[in-house]
Amino acid sequence: MTYSRSVFVSVRRHTWNRRAIPSALSGFKTFTFDLDLMLLDLGRLTTALPELAPYTAPYWPILRYLHIFSNSPALELQAEWKDVDFHQKTVASDDLGVGVTISALKDRFHYTHWDDGASYARRLKALGFLKSPKFSDSPKRGPNKSPDYVFLTPAKKLHFVECKGTQTSREALIKALGTAVGQKNSIAFAKAKHEKDFVDQRLAAGLFVARQGMPKPSAILIGDPEPIDPSFISREISARVLEGVLQVGHLSKLLTCAGFVRTALAIDRNIFPTHSLNLERGREEISIEAAFTLDQQSLDTFEADGEKWIGRKITLPLPEGIQRPEARVRYLEVSYGLHKSILPPLQELFAKERFFLLDEFQETAARFRDQERKRSDEAAEILSPKAFIAELRSRTDLDRGLVG
């Protein structure tokens, strides 16, 4: 079983109408990706709000989906997947629709920061910049639900992305993408000029994932249908607020993955108080700075990529094992952590009010960009040098790696 998979890509040119298709998508016919890196990304993308104490969220996609793919170099599920119940198929379709599709978009657009759409909208609302009566506190369903994700490009432009997934057919995916039009446009601007100034793309994209033996192969479909939903972001919004809120959401996700759950929770409760779900009544309210200190005291220090990190490193047993190219793997080591050198500047920032709007935060946030993706026989890594690491390492036993 090899690590890489390929999938056909169809850029639906007609959905841009008379608008120019982004050059990054020109000639995009096939996407080849690493399964381990995609699953690491999926764990980060689907990590829940810090109020929900998502201690297992970054890890479960790896355990759930690592074994379901066929040995074909083309992306497809094992033939036996046809016997899985409908609910499990739906969940897998949604998850892979996010993981594979977002991996493809990241590969083409080189996104620097991201957050899920619902959290981004709630934070804007907490600051008083989102005032639409159509926006609910839980916009998870229907045409006015928030887009799945909001991304920041290297040119400081926003991409709003709604993802879909299906195991039925390409035709079913096209139909599902038709329902994404309202969702990808549900975070819009009251001032028309802001749309041009701040937004580059509003994409509806999805994955049809085939099983072994199906007549048509898996495919990613990408489009940008015309906006149709009403605007509801305040005219007073600024680029600094839009970028800062997205960057702090991105940081909060990475903090949560690395085990800094108190810190991520304190950020929301201190800066975006109406954003917090406040599920844990009676939890002592503490400052972001104090929460960050407590988290550092409770987490582990580990080595990866020749550097020292603080966060979580766990071992996941595979009772039946998984055959990988080099050996039969019986354990997976998954690590998420912050680099030791990033702790002092974060500690200093967390002591300041609304730190995400300060120039110093822009410099620190830039260090958390996904800059490197590494693949070796034993490990897959997503790395922000000297800032953040996500690593998946294969082992034949607890004492040795794949060698021996």
Protein backbone atom coordinates (compact mmCIF):
# COMPACT_ATOMS: atom_id res chain seq x y z
CA MET A 1 0.00 0.00 0.00
CA THR A 2 1.61 3.26 -1.15
CA TYR A 3 1.15 6.58 0.62
CA SER A 4 0.13 8.68 -2.39
CA ARG A 5 -3.17 8.75 -4.27
CA SER A 6 -4.35 10.55 -7.40
CA VAL A 7 -7.80 11.90 -8.19
CA PHE A 8 -9.27 13.58 -11.27
CA VAL A 9 -10.12 17.28 -10.98
CA SER A 10 -12.84 19.10 -12.90
CA VAL A 11 -12.81 22.90 -12.73
CA ARG A 12 -16.37 23.88 -13.66
CA ARG A 13 -15.48 26.87 -15.82
CA HIS A 14 -19.06 27.86 -16.62
CA THR A 15 -19.80 28.57 -12.92
CA TRP A 16 -17.51 31.61 -13.05
CA ASN A 17 -19.86 33.01 -15.69
CA ARG A 18 -17.98 35.98 -17.22
CA ARG A 19 -15.54 36.28 -14.35
CA ALA A 20 -11.94 35.18 -14.78
CA ILE A 21 -11.04 31.73 -13.49
CA PRO A 22 -8.09 32.00 -11.08
CA SER A 23 -4.78 31.20 -12.73
CA ALA A 24 -4.00 28.75 -9.91
CA LEU A 25 -6.74 26.46 -11.26
CA SER A 26 -5.66 26.70 -14.89
CA GLY A 27 -4.76 23.25 -16.21
CA PHE A 28 -5.71 21.59 -12.91
CA LYS A 29 -6.66 18.10 -14.14
CA THR A 30 -5.20 15.69 -11.58
CA PHE A 31 -4.33 16.03 -7.91
CA THR A 32 -1.80 13.67 -6.30
CA PHE A 33 -1.57 13.77 -2.53
CA ASP A 34 -0.19 11.93 0.49
CA LEU A 35 -2.82 10.01 2.52
CA ASP A 36 -1.11 10.58 5.87
CA LEU A 37 -0.71 14.32 5.31
CA MET A 38 -4.36 14.57 4.23
CA LEU A 39 -5.53 12.79 7.40
CA LEU A 40 -3.34 15.01 9.60
CA ASP A 41 -4.91 18.02 7.90
CA LEU A 42 -8.41 16.57 8.36
CA GLY A 43 -7.74 16.18 12.09
CA ARG A 44 -6.81 19.85 12.38
CA LEU A 45 -9.66 21.06 10.18
CA THR A 46 -12.34 19.15 12.10
CA THR A 47 -11.11 19.86 15.63
CA ALA A 48 -14.09 21.17 17.58
CA LEU A 49 -14.56 24.31 19.64
CA PRO A 50 -12.34 24.38 22.75
CA GLU A 51 -15.45 24.39 24.97
CA LEU A 52 -16.09 20.80 23.87
CA ALA A 53 -12.71 19.62 25.25
CA PRO A 54 -11.72 18.00 21.94
CA TYR A 55 -8.88 15.91 23.33
CA THR A 56 -9.30 13.15 20.73
CA ALA A 57 -10.49 15.22 17.75
CA PRO A 58 -7.09 15.64 15.99
CA TYR A 59 -6.46 11.87 16.10
CA TRP A 60 -9.67 10.07 15.20
CA PRO A 61 -9.59 10.63 11.37
CA ILE A 62 -6.29 8.75 11.29
CA LEU A 63 -7.70 5.71 13.11
CA ARG A 64 -11.01 5.83 11.28
CA TYR A 65 -9.87 6.23 7.69
CA LEU A 66 -6.26 5.04 7.37
CA HIS A 67 -7.35 1.49 6.52
CA ILE A 68 -10.36 2.09 4.22
CA PHE A 69 -8.54 2.88 0.96
CA SER A 70 -7.73 0.29 -1.69
CA ASN A 71 -4.16 -0.38 -2.82
CA SER A 72 -4.78 1.36 -6.15
CA PRO A 73 -2.72 4.48 -6.93
CA ALA A 74 -6.05 6.13 -7.79
CA LEU A 75 -8.15 7.33 -4.88
CA GLU A 76 -10.82 4.74 -4.14
CA LEU A 77 -12.31 2.92 -1.17
CA GLN A 78 -12.05 -0.82 -0.68
CA ALA A 79 -14.86 -2.80 -2.33
CA GLU A 80 -16.07 -3.99 1.08
CA TRP A 81 -17.04 -0.42 1.93
CA LYS A 82 -20.30 -0.96 0.01
CA ASP A 83 -21.57 -3.00 2.97
CA VAL A 84 -21.04 -0.22 5.53
CA ASP A 85 -24.28 1.28 6.83
CA PHE A 86 -25.64 4.50 5.35
CA HIS A 87 -24.80 6.68 8.35
CA GLN A 88 -21.13 5.66 8.33
CA LYS A 89 -20.94 6.27 4.58
CA THR A 90 -22.43 9.75 5.01
CA VAL A 91 -19.94 10.70 7.73
CA ALA A 92 -17.01 9.37 5.68
CA SER A 93 -18.21 11.20 2.55
CA ASP A 94 -18.46 14.50 4.44
CA ASP A 95 -15.05 14.05 6.07
CA LEU A 96 -13.21 13.04 2.91
CA GLY A 97 -15.04 15.79 1.03
CA VAL A 98 -13.33 18.20 3.41
CA GLY A 99 -9.95 16.49 3.72
CA VAL A 100 -9.22 15.76 0.05
CA THR A 101 -10.88 18.88 -1.38
CA ILE A 102 -9.18 21.28 1.04
CA SER A 103 -5.84 19.56 0.44
CA ALA A 104 -6.30 20.21 -3.28
CA LEU A 105 -7.21 23.87 -2.76
CA LYS A 106 -4.29 24.39 -0.37
CA ASP A 107 -1.97 22.89 -2.96
CA ARG A 108 -3.12 25.39 -5.59
CA PHE A 109 -3.72 28.56 -3.54
CA HIS A 110 -1.08 28.14 -0.79
CA TYR A 111 -3.39 29.34 2.00
CA THR A 112 -1.59 30.81 5.01
CA HIS A 113 -4.32 30.77 7.70
CA TRP A 114 -7.80 29.29 8.07
CA ASP A 115 -10.74 28.80 10.42
CA ASP A 116 -14.11 27.11 10.21
CA GLY A 117 -16.83 29.42 8.94
CA ALA A 118 -19.14 29.20 11.95
CA SER A 119 -16.41 30.18 14.43
CA TYR A 120 -15.22 33.00 12.19
CA ALA A 121 -18.76 34.39 11.91
CA ARG A 122 -19.39 34.16 15.66
CA ARG A 123 -16.17 36.01 16.44
CA LEU A 124 -17.10 38.79 14.03
CA LYS A 125 -20.53 38.93 15.66
CA ALA A 126 -18.96 39.14 19.14
CA LEU A 127 -16.98 42.19 17.99
CA GLY A 128 -20.15 43.83 16.64
CA PHE A 129 -19.34 43.50 12.95
CA LEU A 130 -21.93 40.89 11.99
CA LYS A 131 -25.48 42.09 12.53
CA SER A 132 -27.75 40.27 10.08
CA PRO A 133 -31.06 39.09 11.57
CA LYS A 134 -30.75 36.02 9.36
CA PHE A 135 -27.61 34.90 11.14
CA SER A 136 -28.32 32.42 13.93
CA ASP A 137 -26.06 31.37 16.77
CA SER A 138 -25.85 27.86 15.32
CA PRO A 139 -25.74 28.28 11.51
CA LYS A 140 -25.06 24.62 10.79
CA ARG A 141 -27.89 23.70 8.45
CA GLY A 142 -29.88 25.15 5.57
CA PRO A 143 -29.00 27.74 2.92
CA ASN A 144 -27.95 30.36 5.48
CA LYS A 145 -25.47 28.14 7.34
CA SER A 146 -21.94 29.46 7.44
CA PRO A 147 -19.48 28.25 4.79
CA ASP A 148 -17.39 25.33 5.98
CA TYR A 149 -14.10 27.25 5.97
CA VAL A 150 -12.56 30.67 5.49
CA PHE A 151 -8.98 30.90 4.21
CA LEU A 152 -6.41 33.68 3.88
CA THR A 153 -4.20 33.75 0.79
CA PRO A 154 -0.60 35.04 0.63
CA ALA A 155 -2.05 38.20 -0.98
CA LYS A 156 -4.20 38.75 2.17
CA LYS A 157 -7.44 37.92 0.35
CA LEU A 158 -10.24 35.77 1.75
CA HIS A 159 -11.56 32.55 0.23
CA PHE A 160 -14.93 31.29 1.49
CA VAL A 161 -15.25 27.55 0.81
CA GLU A 162 -18.20 25.17 1.12
CA CYS A 163 -17.30 21.48 0.82
CA LYS A 164 -19.45 18.54 -0.21
CA GLY A 165 -18.81 14.80 -0.43
CA THR A 166 -20.60 11.74 -1.77
CA GLN A 167 -20.00 8.09 -2.63
CA THR A 168 -22.97 7.89 -5.00
CA SER A 169 -21.91 9.49 -8.29
CA ARG A 170 -20.53 12.64 -9.90
CA GLU A 171 -24.10 13.61 -10.76
CA ALA A 172 -25.04 13.45 -7.07
CA LEU A 173 -22.05 15.67 -6.24
CA ILE A 174 -23.07 18.24 -8.87
CA LYS A 175 -26.54 18.35 -7.30
CA ALA A 176 -25.06 18.77 -3.80
CA LEU A 177 -22.82 21.59 -4.98
CA GLY A 178 -25.94 23.41 -6.17
CA THR A 179 -27.04 23.69 -2.52
CA ALA A 180 -23.67 25.19 -1.55
CA VAL A 181 -24.26 28.49 -3.33
CA GLY A 182 -26.09 30.15 -0.44
CA GLN A 183 -23.75 28.67 2.15
CA LYS A 184 -20.51 29.92 0.61
CA ASN A 185 -22.06 33.41 0.33
CA SER A 186 -23.63 33.57 3.80
CA ILE A 187 -20.75 35.70 5.12
CA ALA A 188 -20.95 38.74 2.85
CA PHE A 189 -20.42 42.49 3.07
CA ALA A 190 -22.84 45.39 3.45
CA LYS A 191 -20.48 47.59 1.46
CA ALA A 192 -20.01 46.34 -2.12
CA LYS A 193 -16.46 47.72 -2.36
CA HIS A 194 -15.39 45.48 0.55
CA GLU A 195 -16.25 42.37 -1.45
CA LYS A 196 -13.77 43.44 -4.13
CA ASP A 197 -11.17 44.64 -1.62
CA PHE A 198 -11.22 41.68 0.77
CA VAL A 199 -12.52 38.59 -1.10
CA ASP A 200 -10.83 36.71 -3.94
CA GLN A 201 -12.97 33.56 -4.31
CA ARG A 202 -16.20 32.01 -3.00
CA LEU A 203 -15.79 28.36 -3.90
CA ALA A 204 -18.17 25.41 -3.85
CA ALA A 205 -16.01 22.30 -4.09
CA GLY A 206 -16.49 18.63 -3.38
CA LEU A 207 -15.37 15.04 -3.79
CA PHE A 208 -17.01 12.00 -5.33
CA VAL A 209 -15.07 9.09 -3.83
CA ALA A 210 -15.51 5.83 -5.70
CA ARG A 211 -15.21 2.25 -4.48
CA GLN A 212 -13.26 -0.53 -6.17
CA GLY A 213 -15.28 -1.80 -9.10
CA MET A 214 -17.37 1.32 -9.70
CA PRO A 215 -17.54 2.38 -13.37
CA LYS A 216 -16.40 5.97 -12.82
CA PRO A 217 -13.32 7.05 -10.83
CA SER A 218 -13.18 9.47 -7.92
CA ALA A 219 -13.23 13.15 -8.84
CA ILE A 220 -12.94 16.61 -7.29
CA LEU A 221 -15.29 19.27 -8.66
CA ILE A 222 -14.54 22.98 -8.11
CA GLY A 223 -16.75 25.95 -8.99
CA ASP A 224 -17.57 29.55 -8.07
CA PRO A 225 -21.30 30.16 -8.69
CA GLU A 226 -22.64 33.71 -8.59
CA PRO A 227 -23.41 35.23 -5.14
CA ILE A 228 -27.12 35.29 -4.35
CA ASP A 229 -27.46 35.79 -0.58
CA PRO A 230 -27.86 39.09 1.28
CA SER A 231 -24.92 40.88 2.87
CA PHE A 232 -24.57 41.30 6.60
CA ILE A 233 -21.02 42.31 7.58
CA SER A 234 -20.83 45.87 8.85
CA ARG A 235 -19.60 48.73 6.64
CA GLU A 236 -17.15 49.61 9.41
CA ILE A 237 -15.15 46.40 8.98
CA SER A 238 -11.44 46.74 8.22
CA ALA A 239 -8.82 44.50 6.66
CA ARG A 240 -6.97 44.31 9.98
CA VAL A 241 -10.06 42.99 11.77
CA LEU A 242 -10.87 40.46 9.04
CA GLU A 243 -7.30 39.16 8.98
CA GLY A 244 -6.78 39.29 12.74
CA VAL A 245 -9.99 37.38 13.55
CA LEU A 246 -9.12 34.70 11.01
CA GLN A 247 -5.52 34.43 12.23
CA VAL A 248 -6.56 34.14 15.87
CA GLY A 249 -9.07 31.44 14.88
CA HIS A 250 -6.29 29.59 13.06
CA LEU A 251 -4.04 29.92 16.12
CA SER A 252 -6.85 28.70 18.40
CA LYS A 253 -7.25 25.53 16.29
CA LEU A 254 -3.52 24.79 16.44
CA LEU A 255 -3.39 25.51 20.18
CA THR A 256 -6.26 23.09 20.73
CA CYS A 257 -4.59 20.35 18.65
CA ALA A 258 -1.38 20.79 20.63
CA GLY A 259 -3.24 20.47 23.94
CA PHE A 260 -3.38 24.17 24.88
CA VAL A 261 -7.14 23.85 25.42
CA ARG A 262 -7.29 26.25 28.41
CA THR A 263 -5.55 28.90 26.31
CA ALA A 264 -7.86 28.51 23.32
CA LEU A 265 -10.87 28.67 25.64
CA ALA A 266 -9.52 31.76 27.45
CA ILE A 267 -9.00 33.55 24.12
CA ASP A 268 -12.66 33.15 23.25
CA ARG A 269 -13.96 33.98 26.73
CA ASN A 270 -11.78 37.06 27.17
CA ILE A 271 -11.85 38.55 23.66
CA PHE A 272 -15.03 37.15 22.11
CA PRO A 273 -17.32 36.61 25.13
CA THR A 274 -20.55 36.11 23.20
CA HIS A 275 -18.77 33.62 20.93
CA SER A 276 -18.10 31.24 23.82
CA LEU A 277 -20.69 28.52 24.31
CA ASN A 278 -19.93 28.60 28.05
CA LEU A 279 -20.82 24.93 28.40
CA GLU A 280 -18.78 24.30 31.53
CA ARG A 281 -20.58 26.32 34.15
CA GLY A 282 -18.49 26.89 37.22
CA ARG A 283 -15.15 26.75 35.41
CA GLU A 284 -12.95 29.46 36.87
CA GLU A 285 -12.46 32.37 34.51
CA ILE A 286 -8.76 33.12 34.06
CA SER A 287 -6.69 35.36 31.83
CA ILE A 288 -5.21 34.14 28.56
CA GLU A 289 -1.72 34.61 29.98
CA ALA A 290 -2.50 32.51 33.07
CA ALA A 291 -4.18 29.80 30.98
CA PHE A 292 -1.12 29.60 28.73
CA THR A 293 1.14 29.13 31.76
CA LEU A 294 -1.08 26.35 33.14
CA ASP A 295 -1.17 24.56 29.80
CA GLN A 296 2.62 24.62 29.51
CA GLN A 297 2.90 23.03 32.95
CA SER A 298 0.55 20.18 32.07
CA LEU A 299 1.89 19.25 28.63
CA ASP A 300 4.85 17.15 27.54
CA THR A 301 8.09 18.06 25.82
CA PHE A 302 9.05 15.86 22.86
CA GLU A 303 11.51 15.85 19.98
CA ALA A 304 10.53 15.85 16.31
CA ASP A 305 12.26 17.02 13.15
CA GLY A 306 15.40 17.54 15.24
CA GLU A 307 13.71 20.19 17.40
CA LYS A 308 12.04 20.38 20.82
CA TRP A 309 8.30 20.94 21.06
CA ILE A 310 5.72 21.16 23.81
CA GLY A 311 2.31 19.59 23.30
CA ARG A 312 0.84 16.11 22.89
CA LYS A 313 2.48 12.94 21.63
CA ILE A 314 0.34 9.83 21.79
CA THR A 315 0.69 6.23 20.65
CA LEU A 316 -2.25 4.60 18.91
CA PRO A 317 -2.29 0.78 18.85
CA LEU A 318 -3.50 -1.01 15.72
CA PRO A 319 -4.62 -4.48 16.95
CA GLU A 320 -4.66 -6.04 13.47
CA GLY A 321 -1.91 -3.83 12.08
CA ILE A 322 -1.81 -2.12 8.68
CA GLN A 323 0.43 -3.18 5.81
CA ARG A 324 2.46 -0.22 4.62
CA PRO A 325 5.11 -0.18 1.86
CA GLU A 326 8.03 -0.86 4.22
CA ALA A 327 6.50 -3.14 6.86
CA ARG A 328 3.38 -4.12 8.76
CA VAL A 329 2.63 -1.24 11.11
CA ARG A 330 1.20 -2.01 14.56
CA TYR A 331 1.48 1.41 16.21
CA LEU A 332 1.06 5.01 15.12
CA GLU A 333 2.66 7.91 16.96
CA VAL A 334 0.80 11.20 16.47
CA SER A 335 2.30 14.45 17.71
CA TYR A 336 1.03 18.03 17.78
CA GLY A 337 3.13 20.72 19.41
CA LEU A 338 4.40 24.29 19.66
CA HIS A 339 8.08 25.04 19.23
CA LYS A 340 9.86 26.03 22.43
CA SER A 341 11.03 29.31 20.86
CA ILE A 342 7.46 30.48 20.12
CA LEU A 343 6.34 30.33 23.76
CA PRO A 344 7.91 33.63 25.02
CA PRO A 345 6.48 35.86 22.24
CA LEU A 346 3.06 34.23 22.67
CA GLN A 347 3.20 34.75 26.43
CA GLU A 348 3.98 38.43 25.89
CA LEU A 349 1.16 38.86 23.36
CA PHE A 350 -1.40 37.09 25.54
CA ALA A 351 -0.83 39.70 28.27
CA LYS A 352 -2.11 42.46 25.96
CA GLU A 353 -5.72 43.42 25.32
CA ARG A 354 -7.07 42.46 21.87
CA PHE A 355 -3.60 41.27 20.91
CA PHE A 356 -4.85 39.95 17.56
CA LEU A 357 -5.14 43.53 16.22
CA LEU A 358 -1.55 44.49 17.12
CA ASP A 359 1.35 44.67 14.66
CA GLU A 360 3.32 42.26 16.87
CA PHE A 361 0.66 39.62 16.39
CA GLN A 362 0.96 39.85 12.61
CA GLU A 363 4.62 38.92 12.92
CA THR A 364 3.90 36.01 15.24
CA ALA A 365 0.91 34.80 13.21
CA ALA A 366 3.12 34.64 10.13
CA ARG A 367 5.22 32.00 11.87
CA PHE A 368 2.18 29.70 12.10
CA ARG A 369 1.73 29.44 8.34
CA ASP A 370 1.74 25.90 6.94
CA GLN A 371 5.07 26.19 5.17
CA GLU A 372 6.45 22.66 4.82
CA ARG A 373 5.07 19.17 4.20
CA LYS A 374 7.55 16.35 4.64
CA ARG A 375 7.37 12.66 3.78
CA SER A 376 9.80 9.91 4.77
CA ASP A 377 9.46 6.13 5.04
CA GLU A 378 8.48 6.43 8.69
CA ALA A 379 6.76 9.80 9.07
CA ALA A 380 4.57 12.50 7.56
CA GLU A 381 4.90 16.06 8.88
CA ILE A 382 3.07 19.35 8.50
CA LEU A 383 5.47 21.99 9.73
CA SER A 384 5.48 25.67 10.53
CA PRO A 385 9.23 26.01 11.23
CA LYS A 386 9.98 27.11 14.81
CA ALA A 387 6.23 27.39 15.51
CA PHE A 388 3.98 24.30 15.06
CA ILE A 389 4.27 20.66 14.07
CA ALA A 390 1.82 17.88 13.25
CA GLU A 391 3.50 14.50 12.78
CA LEU A 392 2.29 10.96 12.04
CA ARG A 393 4.93 8.28 12.54
CA SER A 394 4.57 4.53 11.80
CA ARG A 395 6.08 1.86 14.04
CA THR A 396 6.35 -1.91 13.92
CA ASP A 397 6.63 -2.02 17.72
CA LEU A 398 6.95 0.44 20.62
CA ASP A 399 10.74 0.40 20.67
CA ARG A 400 11.57 0.61 16.99
CA GLY A 401 10.43 2.36 13.90
CA LEU A 402 9.98 0.68 10.50
CA VAL A 403 13.64 -0.31 10.28
CA GLY A 404 14.49 -3.74 11.70
